Amino acid sequence: MENGTVECSVCHSKLKPGSKTVSKAYDRHRIKISSKQKALNIALVVGDCMLVGLQPILVYMSKVDGKFNFSPVSVNFLTECAKVLFAVVMLLFQV
C-alpha cells in the first residue's frame, strides 16, 4: 500500500480504497452469485421463452371452424402482461 493505494492480488492493478473506478457490472472480481439466484435467473429466461414460444401455437389451436372467437391481437397484449407478471414474481423471489 503506497500513497493510499491498494494492489489487486489477481490482476495487480492499483486502486484507491473507496474509489468507484470500476463499475460493478464490469468488475472482473465481483462476488459470485448464489446457486439460488442462478436457478431463478434460468427459470425466468426459460419461462419467458415458453410464454413467447407457446403463444402462436395456442392461438392457432384455438381456431373454431377456421375463425377466432376472440381478437387475436389481444393475445399479444395478454402474453406481454403474463411476461411482466412472471418477471415481477421472479424478481420478488430474488429479493
PDB file of N, CA and C in Angstrom:
ATOM      1  N   MET A   1       0.855  -1.175   0.000  1.00  0.00           N
ATOM      2  CA  MET A   1       0.000   0.000   0.000  1.00  0.00           C
ATOM      3  C   MET A   1       0.897   1.233   0.000  1.00  0.00           C
ATOM      4  N   GLU A   2       0.966   1.838  -1.176  1.00  0.00           N
ATOM      5  CA  GLU A   2       1.779   3.039  -1.333  1.00  0.00           C
ATOM      6  C   GLU A   2       0.887   4.227  -1.658  1.00  0.00           C
ATOM      7  N   ASN A   3       1.107   5.327  -1.001  1.00  0.00           N
ATOM      8  CA  ASN A   3       0.362   6.562  -1.249  1.00  0.00           C
ATOM      9  C   ASN A   3      -1.149   6.364  -1.187  1.00  0.00           C
ATOM     10  N   GLY A   4      -1.618   5.510  -0.318  1.00  0.00           N
ATOM     11  CA  GLY A   4      -3.047   5.294  -0.153  1.00  0.00           C
ATOM     12  C   GLY A   4      -3.679   4.414  -1.219  1.00  0.00           C
ATOM     13  N   THR A   5      -2.869   3.651  -1.965  1.00  0.00           N
ATOM     14  CA  THR A   5      -3.420   2.764  -2.993  1.00  0.00           C
ATOM     15  C   THR A   5      -3.305   1.318  -2.551  1.00  0.00           C
ATOM     16  N   VAL A   6      -4.171   0.485  -3.094  1.00  0.00           N
ATOM     17  CA  VAL A   6      -4.181  -0.939  -2.787  1.00  0.00           C
ATOM     18  C   VAL A   6      -3.965  -1.693  -4.090  1.00  0.00           C
ATOM     19  N   GLU A   7      -3.147  -2.747  -4.016  1.00  0.00           N
ATOM     20  CA  GLU A   7      -2.890  -3.537  -5.219  1.00  0.00           C
ATOM     21  C   GLU A   7      -3.776  -4.778  -5.224  1.00  0.00           C
ATOM     22  N   CYS A   8      -4.400  -5.024  -6.365  1.00  0.00           N
ATOM     23  CA  CYS A   8      -5.254  -6.195  -6.520  1.00  0.00           C
ATOM     24  C   CYS A   8      -4.377  -7.443  -6.551  1.00  0.00           C
ATOM     25  N   SER A   9      -4.785  -8.474  -5.794  1.00  0.00           N
ATOM     26  CA  SER A   9      -3.983  -9.698  -5.733  1.00  0.00           C
ATOM     27  C   SER A   9      -4.126 -10.550  -6.989  1.00  0.00           C
ATOM     28  N   VAL A  10      -5.119 -10.264  -7.824  1.00  0.00           N
ATOM     29  CA  VAL A  10      -5.345 -11.063  -9.022  1.00  0.00           C
ATOM     30  C   VAL A  10      -4.699 -10.428 -10.244  1.00  0.00           C
ATOM     31  N   CYS A  11      -5.054  -9.162 -10.525  1.00  0.00           N
ATOM     32  CA  CYS A  11      -4.544  -8.526 -11.752  1.00  0.00           C
ATOM     33  C   CYS A  11      -3.434  -7.510 -11.465  1.00  0.00           C
ATOM     34  N   HIS A  12      -3.124  -7.286 -10.209  1.00  0.00           N
ATOM     35  CA  HIS A  12      -2.055  -6.387  -9.757  1.00  0.00           C
ATOM     36  C   HIS A  12      -2.260  -4.934 -10.180  1.00  0.00           C
ATOM     37  N   SER A  13      -3.519  -4.533 -10.385  1.00  0.00           N
ATOM     38  CA  SER A  13      -3.792  -3.125 -10.663  1.00  0.00           C
ATOM     39  C   SER A  13      -3.858  -2.381  -9.329  1.00  0.00           C
ATOM     40  N   LYS A  14      -3.562  -1.100  -9.357  1.00  0.00           N
ATOM     41  CA  LYS A  14      -3.549  -0.292  -8.139  1.00  0.00           C
ATOM     42  C   LYS A  14      -4.788   0.583  -8.103  1.00  0.00           C
ATOM     43  N   LEU A  15      -5.523   0.497  -6.997  1.00  0.00           N
ATOM     44  CA  LEU A  15      -6.756   1.243  -6.815  1.00  0.00           C
ATOM     45  C   LEU A  15      -6.719   2.004  -5.510  1.00  0.00           C
ATOM     46  N   LYS A  16      -7.425   3.111  -5.469  1.00  0.00           N
ATOM     47  CA  LYS A  16      -7.578   3.852  -4.222  1.00  0.00           C
ATOM     48  C   LYS A  16      -8.725   3.235  -3.450  1.00  0.00           C
ATOM     49  N   PRO A  17      -8.571   2.993  -2.165  1.00  0.00           N
ATOM     50  CA  PRO A  17      -9.671   2.425  -1.384  1.00  0.00           C
ATOM     51  C   PRO A  17     -10.865   3.369  -1.365  1.00  0.00           C
ATOM     52  N   GLY A  18     -12.033   2.808  -1.579  1.00  0.00           N
ATOM     53  CA  GLY A  18     -13.254   3.593  -1.538  1.00  0.00           C
ATOM     54  C   GLY A  18     -13.589   4.283  -2.844  1.00  0.00           C
ATOM     55  N   SER A  19     -12.669   4.268  -3.803  1.00  0.00           N
ATOM     56  CA  SER A  19     -12.988   4.909  -5.076  1.00  0.00           C
ATOM     57  C   SER A  19     -13.822   3.967  -5.931  1.00  0.00           C
ATOM     58  N   LYS A  20     -14.709   4.533  -6.696  1.00  0.00           N
ATOM     59  CA  LYS A  20     -15.556   3.725  -7.577  1.00  0.00           C
ATOM     60  C   LYS A  20     -15.025   3.838  -8.997  1.00  0.00           C
ATOM     61  N   THR A  21     -13.819   3.356  -9.207  1.00  0.00           N
ATOM     62  CA  THR A  21     -13.196   3.478 -10.520  1.00  0.00           C
ATOM     63  C   THR A  21     -13.729   2.454 -11.502  1.00  0.00           C
ATOM     64  N   VAL A  22     -14.250   1.355 -11.012  1.00  0.00           N
ATOM     65  CA  VAL A  22     -14.768   0.316 -11.886  1.00  0.00           C
ATOM     66  C   VAL A  22     -16.207   0.041 -11.500  1.00  0.00           C
ATOM     67  N   SER A  23     -17.084   0.057 -12.479  1.00  0.00           N
ATOM     68  CA  SER A  23     -18.484  -0.265 -12.216  1.00  0.00           C
ATOM     69  C   SER A  23     -18.584  -1.729 -11.831  1.00  0.00           C
ATOM     70  N   LYS A  24     -19.540  -2.059 -10.965  1.00  0.00           N
ATOM     71  CA  LYS A  24     -19.693  -3.446 -10.537  1.00  0.00           C
ATOM     72  C   LYS A  24     -20.043  -4.357 -11.704  1.00  0.00           C
ATOM     73  N   ALA A  25     -20.708  -3.829 -12.729  1.00  0.00           N
ATOM     74  CA  ALA A  25     -21.075  -4.645 -13.882  1.00  0.00           C
ATOM     75  C   ALA A  25     -19.836  -5.104 -14.656  1.00  0.00           C
ATOM     76  N   TYR A  26     -18.759  -4.320 -14.616  1.00  0.00           N
ATOM     77  CA  TYR A  26     -17.555  -4.661 -15.355  1.00  0.00           C
ATOM     78  C   TYR A  26     -16.416  -5.135 -14.461  1.00  0.00           C
ATOM     79  N   ASP A  27     -16.688  -5.306 -13.196  1.00  0.00           N
ATOM     80  CA  ASP A  27     -15.666  -5.742 -12.257  1.00  0.00           C
ATOM     81  C   ASP A  27     -15.365  -7.219 -12.467  1.00  0.00           C
ATOM     82  N   ARG A  28     -14.119  -7.537 -12.767  1.00  0.00           N
ATOM     83  CA  ARG A  28     -13.744  -8.935 -13.002  1.00  0.00           C
ATOM     84  C   ARG A  28     -13.702  -9.735 -11.717  1.00  0.00           C
ATOM     85  N   HIS A  29     -13.659  -9.075 -10.581  1.00  0.00           N
ATOM     86  CA  HIS A  29     -13.518  -9.768  -9.300  1.00  0.00           C
ATOM     87  C   HIS A  29     -14.784  -9.644  -8.467  1.00  0.00           C
ATOM     88  N   ARG A  30     -15.930  -9.501  -9.136  1.00  0.00           N
ATOM     89  CA  ARG A  30     -17.181  -9.327  -8.396  1.00  0.00           C
ATOM     90  C   ARG A  30     -17.528 -10.600  -7.629  1.00  0.00           C
ATOM     91  N   ILE A  31     -18.398 -10.430  -6.672  1.00  0.00           N
ATOM     92  CA  ILE A  31     -18.812 -11.540  -5.822  1.00  0.00           C
ATOM     93  C   ILE A  31     -19.617 -12.527  -6.660  1.00  0.00           C
ATOM     94  N   LYS A  32     -19.366 -13.794  -6.452  1.00  0.00           N
ATOM     95  CA  LYS A  32     -20.088 -14.839  -7.183  1.00  0.00           C
ATOM     96  C   LYS A  32     -21.560 -14.816  -6.763  1.00  0.00           C
ATOM     97  N   ILE A  33     -22.464 -15.042  -7.736  1.00  0.00           N
ATOM     98  CA  ILE A  33     -23.872 -15.104  -7.389  1.00  0.00           C
ATOM     99  C   ILE A  33     -24.201 -16.509  -6.895  1.00  0.00           C
ATOM    100  N   SER A  34     -25.187 -16.591  -6.042  1.00  0.00           N
ATOM    101  CA  SER A  34     -25.528 -17.866  -5.420  1.00  0.00           C
ATOM    102  C   SER A  34     -26.216 -18.782  -6.429  1.00  0.00           C
ATOM    103  N   SER A  35     -26.230 -20.055  -6.100  1.00  0.00           N
ATOM    104  CA  SER A  35     -26.872 -21.028  -6.986  1.00  0.00           C
ATOM    105  C   SER A  35     -28.381 -20.807  -7.032  1.00  0.00           C
ATOM    106  N   LYS A  36     -28.960 -20.300  -5.943  1.00  0.00           N
ATOM    107  CA  LYS A  36     -30.393 -19.990  -5.927  1.00  0.00           C
ATOM    108  C   LYS A  36     -30.704 -18.881  -6.922  1.00  0.00           C
ATOM    109  N   GLN A  37     -29.869 -17.858  -6.946  1.00  0.00           N
ATOM    110  CA  GLN A  37     -30.094 -16.748  -7.870  1.00  0.00           C
ATOM    111  C   GLN A  37     -29.887 -17.197  -9.313  1.00  0.00           C
ATOM    112  N   LYS A  38     -28.900 -18.068  -9.546  1.00  0.00           N
ATOM    113  CA  LYS A  38     -28.698 -18.601 -10.891  1.00  0.00           C
ATOM    114  C   LYS A  38     -29.910 -19.398 -11.335  1.00  0.00           C
ATOM    115  N   ALA A  39     -30.463 -20.212 -10.433  1.00  0.00           N
ATOM    116  CA  ALA A  39     -31.634 -21.026 -10.762  1.00  0.00           C
ATOM    117  C   ALA A  39     -32.838 -20.131 -11.063  1.00  0.00           C
ATOM    118  N   LEU A  40     -33.014 -19.059 -10.292  1.00  0.00           N
ATOM    119  CA  LEU A  40     -34.123 -18.148 -10.542  1.00  0.00           C
ATOM    120  C   LEU A  40     -33.952 -17.414 -11.873  1.00  0.00           C
ATOM    121  N   ASN A  41     -32.723 -17.031 -12.197  1.00  0.00           N
ATOM    122  CA  ASN A  41     -32.472 -16.375 -13.482  1.00  0.00           C
ATOM    123  C   ASN A  41     -32.757 -17.318 -14.642  1.00  0.00           C
ATOM    124  N   ILE A  42     -32.353 -18.569 -14.499  1.00  0.00           N
ATOM    125  CA  ILE A  42     -32.616 -19.555 -15.547  1.00  0.00           C
ATOM    126  C   ILE A  42     -34.116 -19.797 -15.678  1.00  0.00           C
ATOM    127  N   ALA A  43     -34.811 -19.888 -14.549  1.00  0.00           N
ATOM    128  CA  ALA A  43     -36.265 -20.083 -14.579  1.00  0.00           C
ATOM    129  C   ALA A  43     -36.960 -18.900 -15.246  1.00  0.00           C
ATOM    130  N   LEU A  44     -36.464 -17.693 -15.009  1.00  0.00           N
ATOM    131  CA  LEU A  44     -37.040 -16.508 -15.623  1.00  0.00           C
ATOM    132  C   LEU A  44     -36.884 -16.559 -17.143  1.00  0.00           C
ATOM    133  N   VAL A  45     -35.704 -16.906 -17.611  1.00  0.00           N
ATOM    134  CA  VAL A  45     -35.456 -16.957 -19.057  1.00  0.00           C
ATOM    135  C   VAL A  45     -36.254 -18.084 -19.703  1.00  0.00           C
ATOM    136  N   VAL A  46     -36.256 -19.264 -19.080  1.00  0.00           N
ATOM    137  CA  VAL A  46     -36.986 -20.399 -19.634  1.00  0.00           C
ATOM    138  C   VAL A  46     -38.492 -20.116 -19.648  1.00  0.00           C
ATOM    139  N   GLY A  47     -39.011 -19.558 -18.572  1.00  0.00           N
ATOM    140  CA  GLY A  47     -40.430 -19.224 -18.520  1.00  0.00           C
ATOM    141  C   GLY A  47     -40.824 -18.196 -19.561  1.00  0.00           C
ATOM    142  N   ASP A  48     -39.975 -17.198 -19.747  1.00  0.00           N
ATOM    143  CA  ASP A  48     -40.237 -16.176 -20.748  1.00  0.00           C
ATOM    144  C   ASP A  48     -40.232 -16.784 -22.148  1.00  0.00           C
ATOM    145  N   CYS A  49     -39.274 -17.644 -22.430  1.00  0.00           N
ATOM    146  CA  CYS A  49     -39.202 -18.298 -23.741  1.00  0.00           C
ATOM    147  C   CYS A  49     -40.413 -19.198 -23.978  1.00  0.00           C
ATOM    148  N   MET A  50     -40.863 -19.878 -22.936  1.00  0.00           N
ATOM    149  CA  MET A  50     -42.043 -20.733 -23.086  1.00  0.00           C
ATOM    150  C   MET A  50     -43.286 -19.900 -23.376  1.00  0.00           C
ATOM    151  N   LEU A  51     -43.452 -18.783 -22.677  1.00  0.00           N
ATOM    152  CA  LEU A  51     -44.612 -17.929 -22.930  1.00  0.00           C
ATOM    153  C   LEU A  51     -44.610 -17.389 -24.357  1.00  0.00           C
ATOM    154  N   VAL A  52     -43.451 -16.969 -24.823  1.00  0.00           N
ATOM    155  CA  VAL A  52     -43.356 -16.430 -26.170  1.00  0.00           C
ATOM    156  C   VAL A  52     -43.504 -17.540 -27.210  1.00  0.00           C
ATOM    157  N   GLY A  53     -42.903 -18.703 -26.960  1.00  0.00           N
ATOM    158  CA  GLY A  53     -42.948 -19.797 -27.919  1.00  0.00           C
ATOM    159  C   GLY A  53     -44.302 -20.465 -28.037  1.00  0.00           C
ATOM    160  N   LEU A  54     -45.032 -20.542 -26.944  1.00  0.00           N
ATOM    161  CA  LEU A  54     -46.340 -21.199 -26.976  1.00  0.00           C
ATOM    162  C   LEU A  54     -47.454 -20.306 -27.509  1.00  0.00           C
ATOM    163  N   GLN A  55     -47.230 -19.014 -27.532  1.00  0.00           N
ATOM    164  CA  GLN A  55     -48.278 -18.094 -27.943  1.00  0.00           C
ATOM    165  C   GLN A  55     -48.837 -18.407 -29.330  1.00  0.00           C
ATOM    166  N   PRO A  56     -48.031 -18.486 -30.398  1.00  0.00           N
ATOM    167  CA  PRO A  56     -48.631 -18.746 -31.713  1.00  0.00           C
ATOM    168  C   PRO A  56     -49.260 -20.131 -31.821  1.00  0.00           C
ATOM    169  N   ILE A  57     -48.711 -21.094 -31.119  1.00  0.00           N
ATOM    170  CA  ILE A  57     -49.270 -22.447 -31.156  1.00  0.00           C
ATOM    171  C   ILE A  57     -50.652 -22.473 -30.528  1.00  0.00           C
ATOM    172  N   LEU A  58     -50.780 -21.851 -29.365  1.00  0.00           N
ATOM    173  CA  LEU A  58     -52.074 -21.825 -28.681  1.00  0.00           C
ATOM    174  C   LEU A  58     -53.110 -21.006 -29.442  1.00  0.00           C
ATOM    175  N   VAL A  59     -52.677 -19.921 -30.072  1.00  0.00           N
ATOM    176  CA  VAL A  59     -53.609 -19.118 -30.862  1.00  0.00           C
ATOM    177  C   VAL A  59     -54.121 -19.937 -32.042  1.00  0.00           C
ATOM    178  N   TYR A  60     -53.214 -20.633 -32.720  1.00  0.00           N
ATOM    179  CA  TYR A  60     -53.618 -21.451 -33.864  1.00  0.00           C
ATOM    180  C   TYR A  60     -54.551 -22.585 -33.444  1.00  0.00           C
ATOM    181  N   MET A  61     -54.277 -23.185 -32.304  1.00  0.00           N
ATOM    182  CA  MET A  61     -55.101 -24.299 -31.828  1.00  0.00           C
ATOM    183  C   MET A  61     -56.494 -23.843 -31.374  1.00  0.00           C
ATOM    184  N   SER A  62     -56.669 -22.556 -31.119  1.00  0.00           N
ATOM    185  CA  SER A  62     -57.953 -22.076 -30.613  1.00  0.00           C
ATOM    186  C   SER A  62     -58.921 -21.668 -31.718  1.00  0.00           C
ATOM    187  N   LYS A  63     -58.558 -21.918 -32.966  1.00  0.00           N
ATOM    188  CA  LYS A  63     -59.477 -21.621 -34.072  1.00  0.00           C
ATOM    189  C   LYS A  63     -60.659 -22.588 -34.029  1.00  0.00           C
ATOM    190  N   VAL A  64     -61.837 -22.049 -34.276  1.00  0.00           N
ATOM    191  CA  VAL A  64     -63.049 -22.856 -34.360  1.00  0.00           C
ATOM    192  C   VAL A  64     -63.641 -22.635 -35.747  1.00  0.00           C
ATOM    193  N   ASP A  65     -63.721 -23.681 -36.524  1.00  0.00           N
ATOM    194  CA  ASP A  65     -64.213 -23.605 -37.905  1.00  0.00           C
ATOM    195  C   ASP A  65     -63.452 -22.572 -38.728  1.00  0.00           C
ATOM    196  N   GLY A  66     -62.140 -22.473 -38.504  1.00  0.00           N
ATOM    197  CA  GLY A  66     -61.289 -21.550 -39.269  1.00  0.00           C
ATOM    198  C   GLY A  66     -61.391 -20.104 -38.841  1.00  0.00           C
ATOM    199  N   LYS A  67     -62.106 -19.821 -37.764  1.00  0.00           N
ATOM    200  CA  LYS A  67     -62.263 -18.443 -37.293  1.00  0.00           C
ATOM    201  C   LYS A  67     -61.905 -18.361 -35.813  1.00  0.00           C
ATOM    202  N   PHE A  68     -61.545 -17.165 -35.401  1.00  0.00           N
ATOM    203  CA  PHE A  68     -61.274 -16.916 -33.994  1.00  0.00           C
ATOM    204  C   PHE A  68     -62.539 -16.407 -33.319  1.00  0.00           C
ATOM    205  N   ASN A  69     -62.812 -16.885 -32.123  1.00  0.00           N
ATOM    206  CA  ASN A  69     -63.930 -16.372 -31.334  1.00  0.00           C
ATOM    207  C   ASN A  69     -63.487 -15.218 -30.441  1.00  0.00           C
ATOM    208  N   PHE A  70     -62.310 -14.689 -30.715  1.00  0.00           N
ATOM    209  CA  PHE A  70     -61.749 -13.594 -29.933  1.00  0.00           C
ATOM    210  C   PHE A  70     -60.848 -12.789 -30.846  1.00  0.00           C
ATOM    211  N   SER A  71     -60.355 -11.683 -30.352  1.00  0.00           N
ATOM    212  CA  SER A  71     -59.434 -10.861 -31.127  1.00  0.00           C
ATOM    213  C   SER A  71     -58.010 -11.403 -30.963  1.00  0.00           C
ATOM    214  N   PRO A  72     -57.387 -11.879 -32.052  1.00  0.00           N
ATOM    215  CA  PRO A  72     -56.023 -12.419 -31.940  1.00  0.00           C
ATOM    216  C   PRO A  72     -55.003 -11.375 -31.484  1.00  0.00           C
ATOM    217  N   VAL A  73     -55.283 -10.107 -31.742  1.00  0.00           N
ATOM    218  CA  VAL A  73     -54.362  -9.046 -31.319  1.00  0.00           C
ATOM    219  C   VAL A  73     -54.306  -8.960 -29.797  1.00  0.00           C
ATOM    220  N   SER A  74     -55.427  -9.234 -29.151  1.00  0.00           N
ATOM    221  CA  SER A  74     -55.457  -9.164 -27.688  1.00  0.00           C
ATOM    222  C   SER A  74     -54.573 -10.238 -27.057  1.00  0.00           C
ATOM    223  N   VAL A  75     -54.294 -11.303 -27.797  1.00  0.00           N
ATOM    224  CA  VAL A  75     -53.428 -12.364 -27.269  1.00  0.00           C
ATOM    225  C   VAL A  75     -52.019 -11.827 -27.030  1.00  0.00           C
ATOM    226  N   ASN A  76     -51.534 -10.978 -27.941  1.00  0.00           N
ATOM    227  CA  ASN A  76     -50.206 -10.379 -27.749  1.00  0.00           C
ATOM    228  C   ASN A  76     -50.158  -9.551 -26.471  1.00  0.00           C
ATOM    229  N   PHE A  77     -51.203  -8.773 -26.247  1.00  0.00           N
ATOM    230  CA  PHE A  77     -51.260  -7.952 -25.045  1.00  0.00           C
ATOM    231  C   PHE A  77     -51.291  -8.820 -23.783  1.00  0.00           C
ATOM    232  N   LEU A  78     -52.111  -9.850 -23.795  1.00  0.00           N
ATOM    233  CA  LEU A  78     -52.201 -10.726 -22.627  1.00  0.00           C
ATOM    234  C   LEU A  78     -50.897 -11.486 -22.391  1.00  0.00           C
ATOM    235  N   THR A  79     -50.220 -11.872 -23.478  1.00  0.00           N
ATOM    236  CA  THR A  79     -48.926 -12.551 -23.332  1.00  0.00           C
ATOM    237  C   THR A  79     -47.904 -11.622 -22.700  1.00  0.00           C
ATOM    238  N   GLU A  80     -47.869 -10.376 -23.145  1.00  0.00           N
ATOM    239  CA  GLU A  80     -46.938  -9.408 -22.555  1.00  0.00           C
ATOM    240  C   GLU A  80     -47.271  -9.153 -21.091  1.00  0.00           C
ATOM    241  N   CYS A  81     -48.546  -9.087 -20.752  1.00  0.00           N
ATOM    242  CA  CYS A  81     -48.938  -8.914 -19.350  1.00  0.00           C
ATOM    243  C   CYS A  81     -48.489 -10.111 -18.511  1.00  0.00           C
ATOM    244  N   ALA A  82     -48.637 -11.314 -19.059  1.00  0.00           N
ATOM    245  CA  ALA A  82     -48.207 -12.520 -18.341  1.00  0.00           C
ATOM    246  C   ALA A  82     -46.694 -12.515 -18.154  1.00  0.00           C
ATOM    247  N   LYS A  83     -45.948 -12.054 -19.159  1.00  0.00           N
ATOM    248  CA  LYS A  83     -44.484 -11.987 -19.038  1.00  0.00           C
ATOM    249  C   LYS A  83     -44.066 -10.999 -17.958  1.00  0.00           C
ATOM    250  N   VAL A  84     -44.735  -9.850 -17.915  1.00  0.00           N
ATOM    251  CA  VAL A  84     -44.407  -8.846 -16.891  1.00  0.00           C
ATOM    252  C   VAL A  84     -44.728  -9.389 -15.507  1.00  0.00           C
ATOM    253  N   LEU A  85     -45.877 -10.015 -15.363  1.00  0.00           N
ATOM    254  CA  LEU A  85     -46.261 -10.594 -14.077  1.00  0.00           C
ATOM    255  C   LEU A  85     -45.274 -11.673 -13.644  1.00  0.00           C
ATOM    256  N   PHE A  86     -44.883 -12.529 -14.570  1.00  0.00           N
ATOM    257  CA  PHE A  86     -43.912 -13.579 -14.283  1.00  0.00           C
ATOM    258  C   PHE A  86     -42.570 -12.981 -13.860  1.00  0.00           C
ATOM    259  N   ALA A  87     -42.127 -11.941 -14.566  1.00  0.00           N
ATOM    260  CA  ALA A  87     -40.848 -11.301 -14.228  1.00  0.00           C
ATOM    261  C   ALA A  87     -40.907 -10.650 -12.850  1.00  0.00           C
ATOM    262  N   VAL A  88     -42.008 -10.007 -12.517  1.00  0.00           N
ATOM    263  CA  VAL A  88     -42.144  -9.363 -11.201  1.00  0.00           C
ATOM    264  C   VAL A  88     -42.118 -10.411 -10.095  1.00  0.00           C
ATOM    265  N   VAL A  89     -42.828 -11.508 -10.301  1.00  0.00           N
ATOM    266  CA  VAL A  89     -42.836 -12.572  -9.288  1.00  0.00           C
ATOM    267  C   VAL A  89     -41.434 -13.144  -9.102  1.00  0.00           C
ATOM    268  N   MET A  90     -40.718 -13.381 -10.201  1.00  0.00           N
ATOM    269  CA  MET A  90     -39.357 -13.916 -10.095  1.00  0.00           C
ATOM    270  C   MET A  90     -38.430 -12.916  -9.419  1.00  0.00           C
ATOM    271  N   LEU A  91     -38.599 -11.634  -9.682  1.00  0.00           N
ATOM    272  CA  LEU A  91     -37.767 -10.621  -9.027  1.00  0.00           C
ATOM    273  C   LEU A  91     -38.057 -10.568  -7.533  1.00  0.00           C
ATOM    274  N   LEU A  92     -39.326 -10.745  -7.157  1.00  0.00           N
ATOM    275  CA  LEU A  92     -39.657 -10.753  -5.732  1.00  0.00           C
ATOM    276  C   LEU A  92     -39.005 -11.937  -5.011  1.00  0.00           C
ATOM    277  N   PHE A  93     -38.868 -13.059  -5.705  1.00  0.00           N
ATOM    278  CA  PHE A  93     -38.190 -14.217  -5.108  1.00  0.00           C
ATOM    279  C   PHE A  93     -36.698 -13.935  -4.894  1.00  0.00           C
ATOM    280  N   GLN A  94     -36.116 -13.088  -5.752  1.00  0.00           N
ATOM    281  CA  GLN A  94     -34.689 -12.795  -5.650  1.00  0.00           C
ATOM    282  C   GLN A  94     -34.379 -11.829  -4.520  1.00  0.00           C
ATOM    283  N   VAL A  95     -35.344 -11.038  -4.115  1.00  0.00           N
ATOM    284  CA  VAL A  95     -35.085 -10.026  -3.075  1.00  0.00           C
ATOM    285  C   VAL A  95     -35.064 -10.628  -1.748  1.00  0.00           C
TER     286      VAL A  95
END
